[in-house]
């Protein structure tokens, strides 16, 4: 049974806001339909229409806009909403738990994935990271395995899978 968060005492809502991550605080505000649900910390979000690119081979991991070369720098309370295209390059499962992803609310319709990690765990973690919003999955220079086929077949939101190997597209 659910309990309306708005009916919690002010002090409890403040404490809940303190304990929540940036994404959780934003989700609470959206679910309540009122930003005042998380006093005194209003969680603002910046929406991007540009493709967001995550480049994992770099240390530290880089997140940048497709149209720019310079990585994005996040302040402590910054939250970036990406609901168009998300591009993950050379990402492994260990990268998806990094602090930098706490600043990105990824709900992309298209996910570009270039990785040598073919574990089912990376696809599971990506599903969590992207809030299962992906409708189009594009594998670039990647070996698409039966294991991945089983995983993607069980995700009803994925309508299209494209496999691009060495400049050729396979559908």
C-alpha atoms as a PDB file:
ATOM      1  CA  UNK A   1       0.000   0.000   0.000  1.00  0.00           C
ATOM      2  CA  UNK A   2       1.420   3.375  -0.981  1.00  0.00           C
ATOM      3  CA  UNK A   3       1.459   6.425   1.247  1.00  0.00           C
ATOM      4  CA  UNK A   4       1.231   9.955  -0.187  1.00  0.00           C
ATOM      5  CA  UNK A   5       4.579  11.587   0.519  1.00  0.00           C
ATOM      6  CA  UNK A   6       2.920  15.012   0.637  1.00  0.00           C
ATOM      7  CA  UNK A   7       1.165  13.938   3.849  1.00  0.00           C
ATOM      8  CA  UNK A   8       4.435  13.272   5.663  1.00  0.00           C
ATOM      9  CA  UNK A   9       5.463  15.779   8.312  1.00  0.00           C
ATOM     10  CA  UNK A  10       7.619  18.638   7.039  1.00  0.00           C
ATOM     11  CA  UNK A  11      10.647  17.422   9.028  1.00  0.00           C
ATOM     12  CA  UNK A  12      10.399  13.928   7.561  1.00  0.00           C
ATOM     13  CA  UNK A  13      10.146  15.324   4.030  1.00  0.00           C
ATOM     14  CA  UNK A  14      13.237  17.458   4.687  1.00  0.00           C
ATOM     15  CA  UNK A  15      15.139  14.404   5.920  1.00  0.00           C
ATOM     16  CA  UNK A  16      13.959  12.350   2.950  1.00  0.00           C
ATOM     17  CA  UNK A  17      15.232  15.114   0.670  1.00  0.00           C
ATOM     18  CA  UNK A  18      18.602  15.084   2.469  1.00  0.00           C
ATOM     19  CA  UNK A  19      18.967  11.319   2.024  1.00  0.00           C
ATOM     20  CA  UNK A  20      17.816  11.212  -1.596  1.00  0.00           C
ATOM     21  CA  UNK A  21      20.215  11.313  -4.521  1.00  0.00           C
ATOM     22  CA  UNK A  22      19.750  14.025  -7.157  1.00  0.00           C
ATOM     23  CA  UNK A  23      17.759  11.658  -9.367  1.00  0.00           C
ATOM     24  CA  UNK A  24      15.622  10.387  -6.483  1.00  0.00           C
ATOM     25  CA  UNK A  25      14.812  13.939  -5.383  1.00  0.00           C
ATOM     26  CA  UNK A  26      13.781  14.840  -8.939  1.00  0.00           C
ATOM     27  CA  UNK A  27      11.616  11.699  -9.193  1.00  0.00           C
ATOM     28  CA  UNK A  28       9.923  12.567  -5.887  1.00  0.00           C
ATOM     29  CA  UNK A  29       9.112  16.054  -7.152  1.00  0.00           C
ATOM     30  CA  UNK A  30       7.677  14.689 -10.405  1.00  0.00           C
ATOM     31  CA  UNK A  31       5.669  11.955  -8.655  1.00  0.00           C
ATOM     32  CA  UNK A  32       4.196  14.460  -6.188  1.00  0.00           C
ATOM     33  CA  UNK A  33       3.456  16.956  -8.942  1.00  0.00           C
ATOM     34  CA  UNK A  34       4.931  19.677  -6.758  1.00  0.00           C
ATOM     35  CA  UNK A  35       8.569  20.693  -6.259  1.00  0.00           C
ATOM     36  CA  UNK A  36       7.832  21.713  -2.652  1.00  0.00           C
ATOM     37  CA  UNK A  37       7.697  18.016  -1.734  1.00  0.00           C
ATOM     38  CA  UNK A  38      11.476  18.144  -1.131  1.00  0.00           C
ATOM     39  CA  UNK A  39      12.045  21.204   1.042  1.00  0.00           C
ATOM     40  CA  UNK A  40      14.307  23.107   1.192  1.00  0.00           C
ATOM     41  CA  UNK A  41      16.249  21.599  -1.736  1.00  0.00           C
ATOM     42  CA  UNK A  42      14.497  22.107  -5.040  1.00  0.00           C
ATOM     43  CA  UNK A  43      16.114  19.785  -7.591  1.00  0.00           C
ATOM     44  CA  UNK A  44      16.360  21.551 -10.901  1.00  0.00           C
ATOM     45  CA  UNK A  45      17.173  19.713 -14.099  1.00  0.00           C
ATOM     46  CA  UNK A  46      18.737  20.904 -17.333  1.00  0.00           C
ATOM     47  CA  UNK A  47      17.329  19.203 -20.426  1.00  0.00           C
ATOM     48  CA  UNK A  48      19.496  18.531 -23.452  1.00  0.00           C
ATOM     49  CA  UNK A  49      18.329  17.917 -26.996  1.00  0.00           C
ATOM     50  CA  UNK A  50      21.843  17.064 -28.174  1.00  0.00           C
ATOM     51  CA  UNK A  51      23.183  13.501 -28.133  1.00  0.00           C
ATOM     52  CA  UNK A  52      25.077  12.823 -24.933  1.00  0.00           C
ATOM     53  CA  UNK A  53      28.333  10.896 -25.354  1.00  0.00           C
ATOM     54  CA  UNK A  54      30.051   8.974 -22.556  1.00  0.00           C
ATOM     55  CA  UNK A  55      33.688   8.144 -23.260  1.00  0.00           C
ATOM     56  CA  UNK A  56      34.937   5.564 -20.785  1.00  0.00           C
ATOM     57  CA  UNK A  57      38.518   4.923 -21.880  1.00  0.00           C
ATOM     58  CA  UNK A  58      39.473   8.296 -20.427  1.00  0.00           C
ATOM     59  CA  UNK A  59      40.286   8.785 -16.775  1.00  0.00           C
ATOM     60  CA  UNK A  60      38.220  10.332 -15.408  1.00  0.00           C
ATOM     61  CA  UNK A  61      35.300   9.213 -17.552  1.00  0.00           C
ATOM     62  CA  UNK A  62      34.128  11.980 -19.913  1.00  0.00           C
ATOM     63  CA  UNK A  63      30.593  13.015 -20.695  1.00  0.00           C
ATOM     64  CA  UNK A  64      30.130  15.508 -23.495  1.00  0.00           C
ATOM     65  CA  UNK A  65      27.604  16.785 -25.983  1.00  0.00           C
ATOM     66  CA  UNK A  66      27.828  15.358 -29.512  1.00  0.00           C
ATOM     67  CA  UNK A  67      28.326  18.852 -30.942  1.00  0.00           C
ATOM     68  CA  UNK A  68      31.217  19.709 -28.580  1.00  0.00           C
ATOM     69  CA  UNK A  69      34.654  18.361 -27.748  1.00  0.00           C
ATOM     70  CA  UNK A  70      34.915  19.705 -24.209  1.00  0.00           C
ATOM     71  CA  UNK A  71      33.616  17.396 -21.463  1.00  0.00           C
ATOM     72  CA  UNK A  72      30.732  18.584 -19.322  1.00  0.00           C
ATOM     73  CA  UNK A  73      31.654  19.499 -15.761  1.00  0.00           C
ATOM     74  CA  UNK A  74      29.027  18.995 -13.100  1.00  0.00           C
ATOM     75  CA  UNK A  75      28.603  20.985  -9.925  1.00  0.00           C
ATOM     76  CA  UNK A  76      27.455  19.201  -6.791  1.00  0.00           C
ATOM     77  CA  UNK A  77      23.711  19.700  -7.459  1.00  0.00           C
ATOM     78  CA  UNK A  78      23.622  19.585 -11.280  1.00  0.00           C
ATOM     79  CA  UNK A  79      21.271  17.132 -12.963  1.00  0.00           C
ATOM     80  CA  UNK A  80      21.164  16.717 -16.732  1.00  0.00           C
ATOM     81  CA  UNK A  81      18.159  15.111 -18.466  1.00  0.00           C
ATOM     82  CA  UNK A  82      18.915  13.281 -21.705  1.00  0.00           C
ATOM     83  CA  UNK A  83      15.753  12.029 -23.417  1.00  0.00           C
ATOM     84  CA  UNK A  84      16.884  11.851 -27.045  1.00  0.00           C
ATOM     85  CA  UNK A  85      20.140   9.948 -27.735  1.00  0.00           C
ATOM     86  CA  UNK A  86      22.705   8.471 -25.378  1.00  0.00           C
ATOM     87  CA  UNK A  87      26.025   7.221 -26.752  1.00  0.00           C
ATOM     88  CA  UNK A  88      28.205   4.924 -24.610  1.00  0.00           C
ATOM     89  CA  UNK A  89      31.715   4.303 -25.959  1.00  0.00           C
ATOM     90  CA  UNK A  90      33.983   1.584 -24.524  1.00  0.00           C
ATOM     91  CA  UNK A  91      31.852   1.404 -21.394  1.00  0.00           C
ATOM     92  CA  UNK A  92      32.201  -1.587 -19.108  1.00  0.00           C
ATOM     93  CA  UNK A  93      30.033  -2.615 -16.169  1.00  0.00           C
ATOM     94  CA  UNK A  94      32.461  -0.979 -13.687  1.00  0.00           C
ATOM     95  CA  UNK A  95      31.946   2.421 -15.346  1.00  0.00           C
ATOM     96  CA  UNK A  96      28.167   2.417 -14.900  1.00  0.00           C
ATOM     97  CA  UNK A  97      28.416   2.717 -11.124  1.00  0.00           C
ATOM     98  CA  UNK A  98      30.581   5.833 -11.144  1.00  0.00           C
ATOM     99  CA  UNK A  99      29.559   9.036  -9.382  1.00  0.00           C
ATOM    100  CA  UNK A 100      29.282  10.951 -12.666  1.00  0.00           C
ATOM    101  CA  UNK A 101      26.134   8.984 -13.590  1.00  0.00           C
ATOM    102  CA  UNK A 102      24.411  10.430 -10.514  1.00  0.00           C
ATOM    103  CA  UNK A 103      24.303  13.710 -12.459  1.00  0.00           C
ATOM    104  CA  UNK A 104      22.690  12.255 -15.592  1.00  0.00           C
ATOM    105  CA  UNK A 105      19.031  11.312 -15.808  1.00  0.00           C
ATOM    106  CA  UNK A 106      19.113   9.142 -18.911  1.00  0.00           C
ATOM    107  CA  UNK A 107      15.768   8.401 -20.573  1.00  0.00           C
ATOM    108  CA  UNK A 108      16.922   8.149 -24.176  1.00  0.00           C
ATOM    109  CA  UNK A 109      14.818   6.883 -27.027  1.00  0.00           C
ATOM    110  CA  UNK A 110      18.024   5.829 -28.833  1.00  0.00           C
ATOM    111  CA  UNK A 111      20.998   4.152 -27.180  1.00  0.00           C
ATOM    112  CA  UNK A 112      24.271   3.834 -29.108  1.00  0.00           C
ATOM    113  CA  UNK A 113      26.491   1.195 -27.519  1.00  0.00           C
ATOM    114  CA  UNK A 114      30.117   0.478 -28.379  1.00  0.00           C
ATOM    115  CA  UNK A 115      31.664  -1.931 -25.893  1.00  0.00           C
ATOM    116  CA  UNK A 116      33.645  -5.126 -25.700  1.00  0.00           C
ATOM    117  CA  UNK A 117      31.757  -6.144 -22.549  1.00  0.00           C
ATOM    118  CA  UNK A 118      29.161  -8.652 -23.731  1.00  0.00           C
ATOM    119  CA  UNK A 119      27.921  -9.691 -20.318  1.00  0.00           C
ATOM    120  CA  UNK A 120      24.214  -9.756 -19.619  1.00  0.00           C
ATOM    121  CA  UNK A 121      24.950  -7.662 -16.527  1.00  0.00           C
ATOM    122  CA  UNK A 122      25.959  -4.614 -18.554  1.00  0.00           C
ATOM    123  CA  UNK A 123      22.675  -4.712 -20.450  1.00  0.00           C
ATOM    124  CA  UNK A 124      20.771  -5.122 -17.179  1.00  0.00           C
ATOM    125  CA  UNK A 125      22.617  -2.146 -15.657  1.00  0.00           C
ATOM    126  CA  UNK A 126      21.984  -0.097 -18.816  1.00  0.00           C
ATOM    127  CA  UNK A 127      18.297  -0.894 -18.555  1.00  0.00           C
ATOM    128  CA  UNK A 128      18.301   0.467 -14.995  1.00  0.00           C
ATOM    129  CA  UNK A 129      20.409   3.493 -15.934  1.00  0.00           C
ATOM    130  CA  UNK A 130      18.150   4.430 -18.852  1.00  0.00           C
ATOM    131  CA  UNK A 131      14.882   3.801 -16.964  1.00  0.00           C
ATOM    132  CA  UNK A 132      13.985   1.183 -19.613  1.00  0.00           C
ATOM    133  CA  UNK A 133      13.117   4.015 -22.022  1.00  0.00           C
ATOM    134  CA  UNK A 134      15.163   2.787 -25.005  1.00  0.00           C
ATOM    135  CA  UNK A 135      13.172   2.164 -28.183  1.00  0.00           C
ATOM    136  CA  UNK A 136      16.138   1.897 -30.571  1.00  0.00           C
ATOM    137  CA  UNK A 137      19.361   0.109 -29.655  1.00  0.00           C
ATOM    138  CA  UNK A 138      22.384   0.534 -31.925  1.00  0.00           C
ATOM    139  CA  UNK A 139      25.426  -1.700 -31.418  1.00  0.00           C
ATOM    140  CA  UNK A 140      28.540  -0.221 -33.021  1.00  0.00           C
ATOM    141  CA  UNK A 141      31.584  -2.402 -33.842  1.00  0.00           C
ATOM    142  CA  UNK A 142      30.193  -4.975 -31.495  1.00  0.00           C
ATOM    143  CA  UNK A 143      29.565  -8.691 -31.512  1.00  0.00           C
ATOM    144  CA  UNK A 144      25.859  -9.253 -30.964  1.00  0.00           C
ATOM    145  CA  UNK A 145      25.513 -12.585 -29.139  1.00  0.00           C
ATOM    146  CA  UNK A 146      22.626 -14.940 -28.454  1.00  0.00           C
ATOM    147  CA  UNK A 147      22.807 -13.901 -24.802  1.00  0.00           C
ATOM    148  CA  UNK A 148      22.139 -10.279 -25.800  1.00  0.00           C
ATOM    149  CA  UNK A 149      19.366 -11.347 -28.168  1.00  0.00           C
ATOM    150  CA  UNK A 150      17.558 -13.064 -25.284  1.00  0.00           C
ATOM    151  CA  UNK A 151      17.967  -9.971 -23.127  1.00  0.00           C
ATOM    152  CA  UNK A 152      16.741  -7.480 -25.712  1.00  0.00           C
ATOM    153  CA  UNK A 153      13.855  -9.744 -26.727  1.00  0.00           C
ATOM    154  CA  UNK A 154      12.557  -9.535 -23.154  1.00  0.00           C
ATOM    155  CA  UNK A 155      12.480  -5.704 -23.272  1.00  0.00           C
ATOM    156  CA  UNK A 156       9.195  -4.663 -24.892  1.00  0.00           C
ATOM    157  CA  UNK A 157      10.246  -1.004 -25.159  1.00  0.00           C
ATOM    158  CA  UNK A 158      13.010  -1.876 -27.667  1.00  0.00           C
ATOM    159  CA  UNK A 159      11.425  -1.717 -31.110  1.00  0.00           C
ATOM    160  CA  UNK A 160      14.566  -1.601 -33.274  1.00  0.00           C
ATOM    161  CA  UNK A 161      18.009  -3.158 -32.942  1.00  0.00           C
ATOM    162  CA  UNK A 162      20.756  -2.117 -35.351  1.00  0.00           C
ATOM    163  CA  UNK A 163      24.170  -3.729 -35.530  1.00  0.00           C
ATOM    164  CA  UNK A 164      26.906  -1.682 -37.222  1.00  0.00           C
ATOM    165  CA  UNK A 165      30.164  -3.547 -37.822  1.00  0.00           C
ATOM    166  CA  UNK A 166      33.124  -1.940 -39.586  1.00  0.00           C
ATOM    167  CA  UNK A 167      31.011   0.690 -41.302  1.00  0.00           C
ATOM    168  CA  UNK A 168      28.271  -1.729 -42.405  1.00  0.00           C
ATOM    169  CA  UNK A 169      24.794  -1.855 -40.926  1.00  0.00           C
ATOM    170  CA  UNK A 170      23.061  -5.131 -40.221  1.00  0.00           C
ATOM    171  CA  UNK A 171      19.414  -5.047 -39.107  1.00  0.00           C
END
